[in-house]
Every structure is written in structure tokens, then in C-alpha cells.
């Protein structure tokens, strides 16, 4: 009977899966932009409205790394995703980059 009480305790204390970004990183928008461009060599390549108070920004680096940032109307920007091997397709590119036709 005592074992039944231990199982829920063990399940509750399991560590979550590892994430590339352990937590969201936020900073003042000018500092975030400066750091991405100066320290990492990234440049702002795309933007889009996510709502009346948020702009999604895509920053790409010279080696193909990318960073997705949400810029809030409050003046704060937060990194919400990042990765590698970014590629930009031209409008006349085939939908499948592997398809030569």
C-alpha cells in the first residue's frame, strides 16, 4: 500500500524535457536590437504584425542562424525561438527546394 503513495510523488518530480531556450529572454527593444546586430552579426530580415501591440521580428545571421523576437508596444522585446540553417526562398522558387523542376 505504501508503494501507491510513492508512485505519484515520483511522477510529480520528474524533470521536464530539455529545451533549446530554457526561458524566454526579454530586454528593452533598443538593447535587444543592438545585441543581436553587434554581438551576433544578425540583421532584421522580416517583420509582421501579430496583434495591435506586438510585432514579430525575424533576425538572421551570416552563418544561417535565426532568432524570432516579439517586440511589444511597451518597448520590451523577447526572444521566443531560435535555430539554425535559415534559408530564404525567392517568390519564383519551387515550393520544394529539392525539386529541380
N, C-alpha and C. Protein backbone atom coordinates (compact mmCIF):
# COMPACT_ATOMS: atom_id res chain seq x y z
N UNK A 1 0.82 -1.19 0.00
CA UNK A 1 0.00 0.00 0.00
C UNK A 1 0.86 1.26 0.00
N UNK A 2 1.98 1.21 0.71
CA UNK A 2 2.86 2.37 0.78
C UNK A 2 3.42 2.73 -0.59
N UNK A 3 3.63 1.73 -1.46
CA UNK A 3 4.15 1.96 -2.81
C UNK A 3 3.21 2.80 -3.66
N UNK A 4 1.90 2.72 -3.40
CA UNK A 4 0.94 3.51 -4.16
C UNK A 4 1.11 5.01 -3.90
N UNK A 5 1.58 5.38 -2.74
CA UNK A 5 1.80 6.79 -2.43
C UNK A 5 3.10 7.30 -3.03
N UNK A 6 4.05 6.43 -3.25
CA UNK A 6 5.35 6.82 -3.79
C UNK A 6 5.27 7.09 -5.29
N UNK A 7 4.48 6.33 -6.02
CA UNK A 7 4.40 6.48 -7.47
C UNK A 7 3.96 7.89 -7.88
N UNK A 8 2.88 8.44 -7.33
CA UNK A 8 2.52 9.82 -7.73
C UNK A 8 3.61 10.83 -7.38
N UNK A 9 4.31 10.61 -6.29
CA UNK A 9 5.39 11.51 -5.90
C UNK A 9 6.52 11.47 -6.91
N UNK A 10 6.88 10.28 -7.38
CA UNK A 10 7.94 10.15 -8.39
C UNK A 10 7.52 10.78 -9.71
N UNK A 11 6.27 10.59 -10.10
CA UNK A 11 5.80 11.19 -11.35
C UNK A 11 5.80 12.71 -11.28
N UNK A 12 5.48 13.25 -10.13
CA UNK A 12 5.42 14.70 -9.98
C UNK A 12 6.80 15.34 -9.95
N UNK A 13 7.84 14.59 -9.64
CA UNK A 13 9.17 15.18 -9.52
C UNK A 13 10.06 14.91 -10.71
N UNK A 14 9.52 14.31 -11.79
CA UNK A 14 10.35 14.07 -12.96
C UNK A 14 10.71 15.39 -13.62
N UNK A 15 11.94 15.47 -14.12
CA UNK A 15 12.40 16.69 -14.78
C UNK A 15 11.75 16.83 -16.14
N UNK A 16 11.40 18.07 -16.53
CA UNK A 16 10.84 18.28 -17.86
C UNK A 16 11.90 18.07 -18.93
N UNK A 17 11.46 17.85 -20.16
CA UNK A 17 12.39 17.65 -21.29
C UNK A 17 13.21 18.91 -21.50
N UNK A 18 14.46 18.73 -21.93
CA UNK A 18 15.34 19.87 -22.18
C UNK A 18 14.82 20.69 -23.35
N UNK A 19 14.98 22.00 -23.27
CA UNK A 19 14.53 22.91 -24.31
C UNK A 19 15.70 23.75 -24.78
N UNK A 20 15.77 24.08 -26.09
CA UNK A 20 16.85 24.94 -26.56
C UNK A 20 16.86 26.29 -25.85
N UNK A 21 15.68 26.78 -25.50
CA UNK A 21 15.58 28.02 -24.74
C UNK A 21 14.91 27.67 -23.42
N UNK A 22 15.66 27.67 -22.35
CA UNK A 22 15.11 27.28 -21.05
C UNK A 22 14.03 28.26 -20.60
N UNK A 23 14.20 29.52 -20.92
CA UNK A 23 13.21 30.53 -20.58
C UNK A 23 13.27 31.62 -21.63
N UNK A 24 12.21 32.39 -21.71
CA UNK A 24 12.15 33.49 -22.67
C UNK A 24 13.08 34.60 -22.18
N UNK A 25 13.87 35.15 -23.10
CA UNK A 25 14.81 36.22 -22.77
C UNK A 25 14.21 37.53 -23.25
N UNK A 26 14.03 38.48 -22.34
CA UNK A 26 13.46 39.79 -22.68
C UNK A 26 14.43 40.91 -22.30
N UNK A 27 14.34 42.02 -23.02
CA UNK A 27 15.16 43.19 -22.74
C UNK A 27 14.49 44.39 -23.41
N UNK A 28 14.98 45.57 -23.11
CA UNK A 28 14.49 46.77 -23.80
C UNK A 28 14.76 46.60 -25.29
N UNK A 29 13.81 46.99 -26.13
CA UNK A 29 13.93 46.77 -27.57
C UNK A 29 15.22 47.32 -28.17
N UNK A 30 15.65 48.54 -27.84
CA UNK A 30 16.91 49.02 -28.43
C UNK A 30 18.12 48.18 -28.03
N UNK A 31 18.16 47.72 -26.77
CA UNK A 31 19.27 46.87 -26.32
C UNK A 31 19.24 45.52 -27.01
N UNK A 32 18.03 44.96 -27.18
CA UNK A 32 17.89 43.66 -27.85
C UNK A 32 18.39 43.78 -29.29
N UNK A 33 17.95 44.81 -30.00
CA UNK A 33 18.38 45.01 -31.39
C UNK A 33 19.89 45.20 -31.48
N UNK A 34 20.43 46.01 -30.59
CA UNK A 34 21.87 46.28 -30.59
C UNK A 34 22.66 45.00 -30.33
N UNK A 35 22.20 44.22 -29.39
CA UNK A 35 22.92 42.98 -29.05
C UNK A 35 22.86 41.97 -30.19
N UNK A 36 21.69 41.82 -30.79
CA UNK A 36 21.57 40.88 -31.90
C UNK A 36 22.45 41.29 -33.07
N UNK A 37 22.50 42.58 -33.37
CA UNK A 37 23.29 43.02 -34.52
C UNK A 37 24.77 43.10 -34.22
N UNK A 38 25.16 43.67 -33.10
CA UNK A 38 26.59 43.83 -32.80
C UNK A 38 27.26 42.55 -32.32
N UNK A 39 26.64 41.88 -31.37
CA UNK A 39 27.27 40.71 -30.77
C UNK A 39 27.15 39.46 -31.65
N UNK A 40 26.03 39.33 -32.34
CA UNK A 40 25.80 38.10 -33.11
C UNK A 40 25.83 38.32 -34.62
N UNK A 41 25.97 39.55 -35.07
CA UNK A 41 26.04 39.83 -36.50
C UNK A 41 24.73 39.60 -37.23
N UNK A 42 23.62 39.57 -36.51
CA UNK A 42 22.32 39.33 -37.12
C UNK A 42 21.76 40.63 -37.69
N UNK A 43 20.85 40.47 -38.64
CA UNK A 43 20.16 41.64 -39.16
C UNK A 43 18.67 41.33 -39.24
N UNK A 44 17.88 42.35 -39.08
CA UNK A 44 16.43 42.20 -39.13
C UNK A 44 16.02 41.97 -40.58
N UNK A 45 15.44 40.81 -40.88
CA UNK A 45 15.12 40.48 -42.27
C UNK A 45 13.63 40.43 -42.57
N UNK A 46 12.79 40.23 -41.55
CA UNK A 46 11.34 40.16 -41.78
C UNK A 46 10.60 40.63 -40.54
N UNK A 47 9.45 41.22 -40.75
CA UNK A 47 8.58 41.62 -39.65
C UNK A 47 7.13 41.34 -40.03
N UNK A 48 6.29 41.20 -39.03
CA UNK A 48 4.87 41.03 -39.26
C UNK A 48 4.09 41.32 -38.00
N UNK A 49 2.90 41.89 -38.16
CA UNK A 49 2.06 42.20 -37.01
C UNK A 49 1.44 40.92 -36.46
N UNK A 50 1.53 40.75 -35.16
CA UNK A 50 0.88 39.61 -34.51
C UNK A 50 -0.40 40.08 -33.83
N UNK A 51 -0.54 41.33 -33.62
CA UNK A 51 -1.70 41.92 -32.98
C UNK A 51 -1.49 43.42 -32.90
N UNK A 52 -2.40 44.14 -32.28
CA UNK A 52 -2.25 45.59 -32.23
C UNK A 52 -1.06 46.05 -31.39
N UNK A 53 -0.56 45.20 -30.51
CA UNK A 53 0.53 45.60 -29.62
C UNK A 53 1.80 44.77 -29.79
N UNK A 54 1.86 43.93 -30.83
CA UNK A 54 3.01 43.03 -30.98
C UNK A 54 3.47 42.96 -32.44
N UNK A 55 4.78 42.98 -32.62
CA UNK A 55 5.38 42.79 -33.94
C UNK A 55 6.33 41.60 -33.84
N UNK A 56 6.17 40.64 -34.74
CA UNK A 56 7.11 39.52 -34.82
C UNK A 56 8.28 39.96 -35.68
N UNK A 57 9.49 39.72 -35.21
CA UNK A 57 10.70 40.07 -35.95
C UNK A 57 11.50 38.80 -36.19
N UNK A 58 12.03 38.68 -37.39
CA UNK A 58 12.93 37.57 -37.71
C UNK A 58 14.30 38.16 -37.97
N UNK A 59 15.27 37.76 -37.14
CA UNK A 59 16.66 38.19 -37.27
C UNK A 59 17.44 37.01 -37.81
N UNK A 60 18.27 37.23 -38.83
CA UNK A 60 19.09 36.15 -39.37
C UNK A 60 20.56 36.53 -39.33
N UNK A 61 21.39 35.53 -39.10
CA UNK A 61 22.83 35.74 -39.00
C UNK A 61 23.54 35.28 -40.26
N UNK A 62 24.80 35.66 -40.41
CA UNK A 62 25.56 35.33 -41.61
C UNK A 62 25.82 33.83 -41.79
N UNK A 63 25.75 33.06 -40.73
CA UNK A 63 26.01 31.62 -40.82
C UNK A 63 24.71 30.80 -40.93
N UNK A 64 23.57 31.47 -41.11
CA UNK A 64 22.30 30.76 -41.25
C UNK A 64 21.52 30.60 -39.95
N UNK A 65 22.03 31.14 -38.84
CA UNK A 65 21.27 31.06 -37.60
C UNK A 65 20.16 32.11 -37.64
N UNK A 66 19.07 31.86 -36.91
CA UNK A 66 17.95 32.78 -36.90
C UNK A 66 17.38 32.92 -35.49
N UNK A 67 16.74 34.07 -35.25
CA UNK A 67 16.14 34.37 -33.96
C UNK A 67 14.79 35.01 -34.20
N UNK A 68 13.74 34.48 -33.55
CA UNK A 68 12.40 35.05 -33.62
C UNK A 68 12.18 35.88 -32.36
N UNK A 69 11.81 37.14 -32.55
CA UNK A 69 11.63 38.08 -31.45
C UNK A 69 10.22 38.65 -31.52
N UNK A 70 9.58 38.82 -30.37
CA UNK A 70 8.33 39.58 -30.29
C UNK A 70 8.68 40.94 -29.71
N UNK A 71 8.35 41.99 -30.44
CA UNK A 71 8.54 43.36 -29.96
C UNK A 71 7.18 43.88 -29.51
N UNK A 72 7.10 44.28 -28.26
CA UNK A 72 5.84 44.75 -27.69
C UNK A 72 5.76 46.27 -27.74
N UNK A 73 4.56 46.80 -27.78
CA UNK A 73 4.35 48.25 -27.80
C UNK A 73 4.91 48.92 -26.55
N UNK A 74 5.08 48.16 -25.49
CA UNK A 74 5.61 48.70 -24.23
C UNK A 74 7.09 49.05 -24.34
N UNK A 75 7.76 48.59 -25.42
CA UNK A 75 9.19 48.86 -25.57
C UNK A 75 10.07 47.68 -25.20
N UNK A 76 9.46 46.57 -24.83
CA UNK A 76 10.19 45.36 -24.48
C UNK A 76 10.19 44.41 -25.67
N UNK A 77 11.30 43.72 -25.88
CA UNK A 77 11.40 42.68 -26.91
C UNK A 77 11.80 41.38 -26.24
N UNK A 78 11.24 40.26 -26.71
CA UNK A 78 11.52 38.95 -26.13
C UNK A 78 11.88 37.95 -27.22
N UNK A 79 12.96 37.21 -27.00
CA UNK A 79 13.33 36.12 -27.90
C UNK A 79 12.43 34.94 -27.56
N UNK A 80 11.70 34.44 -28.57
CA UNK A 80 10.77 33.34 -28.34
C UNK A 80 11.18 32.06 -29.05
N UNK A 81 12.09 32.15 -30.02
CA UNK A 81 12.57 30.95 -30.72
C UNK A 81 13.88 31.27 -31.41
N UNK A 82 14.69 30.24 -31.62
CA UNK A 82 15.94 30.40 -32.36
C UNK A 82 16.32 29.07 -32.97
N UNK A 83 17.14 29.13 -34.00
CA UNK A 83 17.55 27.91 -34.65
C UNK A 83 18.69 28.14 -35.63
N UNK A 84 18.89 27.16 -36.50
CA UNK A 84 20.00 27.19 -37.46
C UNK A 84 19.48 26.88 -38.86
N UNK A 85 20.34 27.05 -39.83
CA UNK A 85 20.10 26.68 -41.23
C UNK A 85 18.92 27.42 -41.85
N UNK A 86 18.80 28.72 -41.59
CA UNK A 86 17.75 29.50 -42.21
C UNK A 86 18.05 29.65 -43.69
N UNK A 87 17.03 29.54 -44.53
CA UNK A 87 17.20 29.81 -45.96
C UNK A 87 16.01 30.64 -46.43
N UNK A 88 16.28 31.55 -47.31
CA UNK A 88 15.24 32.42 -47.85
C UNK A 88 14.93 31.98 -49.27
N UNK A 89 13.67 31.74 -49.53
CA UNK A 89 13.24 31.33 -50.86
C UNK A 89 12.73 32.55 -51.62
N UNK A 90 13.08 32.66 -52.88
CA UNK A 90 12.57 33.76 -53.69
C UNK A 90 11.16 33.42 -54.13
N UNK A 91 10.34 34.42 -54.47
CA UNK A 91 8.95 34.16 -54.85
C UNK A 91 8.81 33.20 -56.04
N UNK A 92 9.79 33.16 -56.93
CA UNK A 92 9.69 32.27 -58.08
C UNK A 92 10.37 30.92 -57.85
N UNK A 93 10.79 30.65 -56.60
CA UNK A 93 11.40 29.36 -56.28
C UNK A 93 10.33 28.28 -56.26
N UNK A 94 10.69 27.06 -56.63
CA UNK A 94 9.72 25.96 -56.50
C UNK A 94 9.40 25.75 -55.02
N UNK A 95 8.21 25.22 -54.75
CA UNK A 95 7.81 25.01 -53.36
C UNK A 95 8.71 24.02 -52.66
N UNK A 96 9.19 23.02 -53.36
CA UNK A 96 10.09 22.03 -52.78
C UNK A 96 11.51 22.37 -53.22
N UNK A 97 12.37 22.86 -52.29
CA UNK A 97 13.73 23.23 -52.67
C UNK A 97 14.54 22.07 -53.25
N UNK A 98 14.13 20.84 -52.99
CA UNK A 98 14.83 19.67 -53.52
C UNK A 98 14.36 19.33 -54.94
N UNK A 99 13.22 19.89 -55.35
CA UNK A 99 12.64 19.59 -56.66
C UNK A 99 13.26 20.50 -57.72
N UNK A 100 14.02 19.94 -58.69
CA UNK A 100 14.69 20.78 -59.69
C UNK A 100 13.73 21.39 -60.71
N UNK A 101 12.49 20.91 -60.78
CA UNK A 101 11.56 21.39 -61.81
C UNK A 101 10.94 22.68 -61.48
